[in-house]
Amino acid sequence: MTKKEQICNRAVELLGREPRGLRFAELMRQLKRELPEVKSFRAVIPNLHILRPEEICKPAKGLFRHAKFGENEVEADIKVAEKAKPSGGEQEFYGSFAEYLVNELEECTKAIPLGGNCFKDKWGTPDIVGVLCPRQSDILKFPAEIVSAEVKTDSNALITAFGQACSYRLFSHRVYLVIPASVPESELARLDALCRVFGLGLILFDAENPEEPNYQIRVRATKHEPDMFYANRNLKVIEDELFG
């Protein structure tokens, strides 16, 4: 048996135990542990789905899954998402993410929780709105920038959340979509790609732990120029709270 066949056979066995599949790095780590004498992993692993198409599939970038699970990918992912659905409400995370925008990402000098229907607009109200203003110590001054965020704890509402986040670009310079880290990898890969295309930021967090959400940035938001008519109209509603 060749080294390539050894790797493929062992990969099939490992993936057969993982309904969600394994990322490239994790699969390589396990294979190295199982086959310490083999050195050609990097040449074989990226092509597993080509070398063994009847047994291994690649439902997302960098993700490998056994074909018996890949055929029922949507069903498997829905079950994982339902199992991971938290019992807490999204509002529990608004305050901590506002702090994260200011203190960790440093993309705002002030951020406030909103939610609800504060803007009284069918296009929606962000869960958090922040502003980045020049500090007194800044040598180069710049115009204020608005940052908005949409937080979702329900893994089954990602399409809705993405649409809401896109709508906030109408009046925001930067927009972040904040979703559970437990989202199935194939869904996460799609969201990652979409956020990069539309310039949204993507943040992952522990939706079951309001005390320690452990926010992790996956994609940083791209700055763009909003429509100033809508930006001014919405900011007028929260002017005192955001700029006071």
Protein backbone atom coordinates (compact mmCIF):
# COMPACT_ATOMS: atom_id res chain seq x y z
CA MET A 1 0.00 0.00 0.00
CA THR A 2 1.38 3.43 -0.98
CA LYS A 3 1.65 6.37 1.40
CA LYS A 4 -1.12 8.15 -0.54
CA GLU A 5 -3.45 5.16 -0.10
CA GLN A 6 -2.65 5.04 3.60
CA ILE A 7 -3.59 8.70 4.00
CA CYS A 8 -6.81 8.32 2.00
CA ASN A 9 -7.91 5.20 3.85
CA ARG A 10 -7.28 6.73 7.25
CA ALA A 11 -8.96 9.99 6.23
CA VAL A 12 -12.09 8.07 5.21
CA GLU A 13 -12.14 6.35 8.61
CA LEU A 14 -11.70 9.59 10.53
CA LEU A 15 -14.34 11.46 8.53
CA GLY A 16 -16.75 8.57 8.97
CA ARG A 17 -16.93 9.46 12.67
CA GLU A 18 -17.54 13.18 12.16
CA PRO A 19 -21.02 14.11 10.80
CA ARG A 20 -20.01 17.78 10.60
CA GLY A 21 -16.73 16.95 8.88
CA LEU A 22 -13.22 18.17 9.69
CA ARG A 23 -11.35 21.31 8.69
CA PHE A 24 -8.04 20.92 6.84
CA ALA A 25 -5.87 21.72 9.87
CA GLU A 26 -7.74 19.39 12.23
CA LEU A 27 -7.77 16.55 9.69
CA MET A 28 -4.02 16.96 9.15
CA ARG A 29 -3.40 17.00 12.89
CA GLN A 30 -5.29 13.75 13.38
CA LEU A 31 -3.66 12.07 10.40
CA LYS A 32 -0.18 13.02 11.61
CA ARG A 33 -0.98 11.47 14.95
CA GLU A 34 -2.33 8.29 13.33
CA LEU A 35 0.42 7.99 10.70
CA PRO A 36 3.59 9.49 12.24
CA GLU A 37 5.87 7.89 9.63
CA VAL A 38 4.12 9.58 6.68
CA LYS A 39 5.36 13.00 5.49
CA SER A 40 3.29 13.79 2.36
CA PHE A 41 0.05 15.02 3.98
CA ARG A 42 0.07 18.49 2.41
CA ALA A 43 0.25 17.02 -1.07
CA VAL A 44 -2.64 14.61 -0.52
CA ILE A 45 -5.19 16.16 1.85
CA PRO A 46 -6.29 19.07 -0.41
CA ASN A 47 -7.25 16.52 -3.07
CA LEU A 48 -9.02 13.94 -0.92
CA HIS A 49 -12.40 14.70 -2.50
CA ILE A 50 -10.82 14.15 -5.95
CA LEU A 51 -8.90 11.00 -5.03
CA ARG A 52 -11.89 9.42 -3.24
CA PRO A 53 -15.00 11.15 -4.71
CA GLU A 54 -17.32 8.30 -3.70
CA GLU A 55 -16.27 8.49 -0.06
CA ILE A 56 -15.17 12.08 0.62
CA CYS A 57 -16.85 15.35 -0.34
CA LYS A 58 -15.94 19.00 0.18
CA PRO A 59 -19.13 20.97 1.10
CA ALA A 60 -17.22 24.19 1.86
CA LYS A 61 -13.75 25.69 1.48
CA GLY A 62 -11.27 23.83 3.64
CA LEU A 63 -13.93 21.44 4.99
CA PHE A 64 -13.93 17.70 4.31
CA ARG A 65 -16.83 15.39 5.08
CA HIS A 66 -17.62 11.73 4.53
CA ALA A 67 -19.97 11.30 1.57
CA LYS A 68 -22.56 9.54 3.71
CA PHE A 69 -22.98 12.80 5.63
CA GLY A 70 -22.41 15.09 2.67
CA GLU A 71 -25.46 13.73 0.88
CA ASN A 72 -27.60 14.94 3.79
CA GLU A 73 -25.60 18.09 4.50
CA VAL A 74 -28.55 20.44 4.99
CA GLU A 75 -30.37 18.03 7.29
CA ALA A 76 -27.23 17.38 9.35
CA ASP A 77 -26.50 21.08 9.70
CA ILE A 78 -30.07 21.86 10.76
CA LYS A 79 -29.84 19.27 13.53
CA VAL A 80 -26.55 20.74 14.75
CA ALA A 81 -27.98 24.26 14.68
CA GLU A 82 -31.10 23.23 16.58
CA LYS A 83 -29.02 21.46 19.21
CA ALA A 84 -26.83 24.54 19.63
CA LYS A 85 -29.68 27.05 19.78
CA PRO A 86 -29.26 29.01 23.02
CA SER A 87 -32.00 29.70 25.53
CA GLY A 88 -30.92 33.29 26.30
CA GLY A 89 -32.05 36.41 24.46
CA GLU A 90 -30.02 38.53 22.08
CA GLN A 91 -30.40 41.57 24.32
CA GLU A 92 -28.07 39.94 26.85
CA PHE A 93 -25.19 40.47 24.43
CA TYR A 94 -25.84 44.04 23.28
CA GLY A 95 -23.92 45.71 26.09
CA SER A 96 -20.88 43.44 25.89
CA PHE A 97 -20.62 43.78 22.11
CA ALA A 98 -20.87 47.56 22.37
CA GLU A 99 -17.87 47.39 24.71
CA TYR A 100 -16.09 45.04 22.30
CA LEU A 101 -16.47 47.56 19.47
CA VAL A 102 -14.93 50.29 21.62
CA ASN A 103 -12.26 48.48 23.62
CA GLU A 104 -11.24 45.48 21.49
CA LEU A 105 -11.78 46.42 17.85
CA GLU A 106 -11.34 50.13 18.61
CA GLU A 107 -13.64 50.96 15.71
CA CYS A 108 -15.81 53.22 17.88
CA THR A 109 -15.18 55.87 20.48
CA LYS A 110 -18.71 55.27 21.80
CA ALA A 111 -21.27 52.51 21.14
CA ILE A 112 -24.79 52.06 22.48
CA PRO A 113 -27.31 49.19 22.43
CA LEU A 114 -30.49 49.89 20.45
CA GLY A 115 -32.56 47.02 19.12
CA GLY A 116 -36.33 47.11 18.89
CA ASN A 117 -37.82 49.58 16.42
CA CYS A 118 -36.01 52.73 17.50
CA PHE A 119 -35.76 54.08 13.94
CA LYS A 120 -39.42 53.19 13.21
CA ASP A 121 -38.37 51.92 9.81
CA LYS A 122 -39.40 48.67 8.12
CA TRP A 123 -35.77 48.31 7.04
CA GLY A 124 -34.95 47.72 10.69
CA THR A 125 -32.92 49.11 13.56
CA PRO A 126 -29.41 47.83 14.38
CA ASP A 127 -28.88 46.10 17.70
CA ILE A 128 -25.84 48.28 18.38
CA VAL A 129 -24.82 51.63 16.89
CA GLY A 130 -21.44 53.24 17.47
CA VAL A 131 -19.58 56.32 16.37
CA LEU A 132 -15.89 56.84 15.72
CA CYS A 133 -14.84 60.43 16.35
CA PRO A 134 -11.34 61.96 16.38
CA ARG A 135 -9.85 62.35 19.84
CA GLN A 136 -8.28 65.56 21.07
CA SER A 137 -4.86 63.92 20.89
CA ASP A 138 -5.28 62.97 17.21
CA ILE A 139 -3.08 65.10 14.96
CA LEU A 140 -5.14 64.35 11.86
CA LYS A 141 -8.85 64.93 12.37
CA PHE A 142 -11.43 63.04 10.35
CA PRO A 143 -15.23 63.07 9.91
CA ALA A 144 -17.29 60.96 12.30
CA GLU A 145 -17.95 57.39 11.17
CA ILE A 146 -21.00 55.30 12.06
CA VAL A 147 -20.72 51.59 12.88
CA SER A 148 -23.77 49.30 13.15
CA ALA A 149 -24.10 45.70 14.27
CA GLU A 150 -26.70 42.94 14.05
CA VAL A 151 -26.52 40.24 16.73
CA LYS A 152 -28.16 36.84 16.21
CA THR A 153 -28.26 34.02 18.74
CA ASP A 154 -30.57 31.88 16.58
CA SER A 155 -28.53 29.84 14.10
CA ASN A 156 -31.68 29.26 12.04
CA ALA A 157 -32.10 32.97 11.25
CA LEU A 158 -28.80 33.67 9.53
CA ILE A 159 -30.28 34.66 6.16
CA THR A 160 -32.56 37.17 7.87
CA ALA A 161 -29.64 38.51 9.91
CA PHE A 162 -27.48 38.89 6.80
CA GLY A 163 -30.24 40.80 5.01
CA GLN A 164 -30.71 43.11 7.98
CA ALA A 165 -26.98 43.78 8.20
CA CYS A 166 -26.84 44.63 4.49
CA SER A 167 -29.66 47.17 4.94
CA TYR A 168 -27.67 48.99 7.64
CA ARG A 169 -25.02 49.89 5.05
CA LEU A 170 -27.51 52.49 3.85
CA PHE A 171 -26.66 54.71 6.85
CA SER A 172 -23.43 53.22 8.27
CA HIS A 173 -19.78 53.41 7.30
CA ARG A 174 -19.14 49.91 8.68
CA VAL A 175 -21.49 47.05 9.56
CA TYR A 176 -20.87 43.90 11.60
CA LEU A 177 -22.84 40.65 11.64
CA VAL A 178 -22.46 38.82 14.97
CA ILE A 179 -23.39 35.12 14.98
CA PRO A 180 -22.89 32.03 17.18
CA ALA A 181 -19.57 30.22 16.85
CA SER A 182 -21.59 26.97 16.84
CA VAL A 183 -22.98 27.69 13.35
CA PRO A 184 -22.30 24.68 11.07
CA GLU A 185 -19.07 25.11 9.13
CA SER A 186 -20.71 24.90 5.70
CA GLU A 187 -23.09 27.74 6.63
CA LEU A 188 -20.26 29.74 8.15
CA ALA A 189 -18.19 29.39 4.98
CA ARG A 190 -21.04 30.81 2.89
CA LEU A 191 -21.55 33.71 5.28
CA ASP A 192 -17.82 34.40 5.33
CA ALA A 193 -17.75 34.61 1.53
CA LEU A 194 -20.89 36.79 1.38
CA CYS A 195 -19.57 39.18 4.03
CA ARG A 196 -16.36 39.65 2.05
CA VAL A 197 -18.35 40.32 -1.14
CA PHE A 198 -20.65 42.88 0.54
CA GLY A 199 -18.05 44.42 2.84
CA LEU A 200 -19.68 43.29 6.09
CA GLY A 201 -17.68 42.35 9.17
CA LEU A 202 -18.26 38.90 10.67
CA ILE A 203 -17.89 38.18 14.39
CA LEU A 204 -18.31 34.81 16.11
CA PHE A 205 -19.29 34.41 19.77
CA ASP A 206 -20.43 31.97 22.42
CA ALA A 207 -24.20 32.46 22.30
CA GLU A 208 -24.71 30.33 25.41
CA ASN A 209 -22.52 32.41 27.69
CA PRO A 210 -23.61 36.05 28.15
CA GLU A 211 -21.02 36.48 30.92
CA GLU A 212 -18.10 35.53 28.65
CA PRO A 213 -19.21 35.72 24.99
CA ASN A 214 -15.61 35.41 23.73
CA TYR A 215 -16.10 37.53 20.61
CA GLN A 216 -13.77 36.54 17.79
CA ILE A 217 -13.36 38.50 14.58
CA ARG A 218 -13.47 36.44 11.39
CA VAL A 219 -13.88 39.22 8.80
CA ARG A 220 -13.21 42.91 9.43
CA ALA A 221 -15.82 45.30 8.03
CA THR A 222 -14.88 47.38 4.99
CA LYS A 223 -15.48 51.11 5.20
CA HIS A 224 -17.76 52.68 2.59
CA GLU A 225 -19.68 55.92 2.28
CA PRO A 226 -23.35 55.65 3.36
CA ASP A 227 -26.24 57.68 2.00
CA MET A 228 -26.01 60.82 4.11
CA PHE A 229 -29.74 61.52 3.89
CA TYR A 230 -30.58 58.27 5.68
CA ALA A 231 -27.56 58.54 7.98
CA ASN A 232 -28.63 61.97 9.22
CA ARG A 233 -32.30 60.99 9.46
CA ASN A 234 -31.56 57.97 11.67
CA LEU A 235 -28.87 59.64 13.76
CA LYS A 236 -31.22 62.47 14.61
CA VAL A 237 -33.30 59.96 16.60
CA ILE A 238 -30.35 58.95 18.80
CA GLU A 239 -28.26 62.13 18.58
CA ASP A 240 -28.29 62.96 22.30
CA GLU A 241 -27.55 59.42 23.41
CA LEU A 242 -24.78 58.75 20.89
CA PHE A 243 -23.07 62.12 20.79
CA GLY A 244 -23.97 63.42 24.24
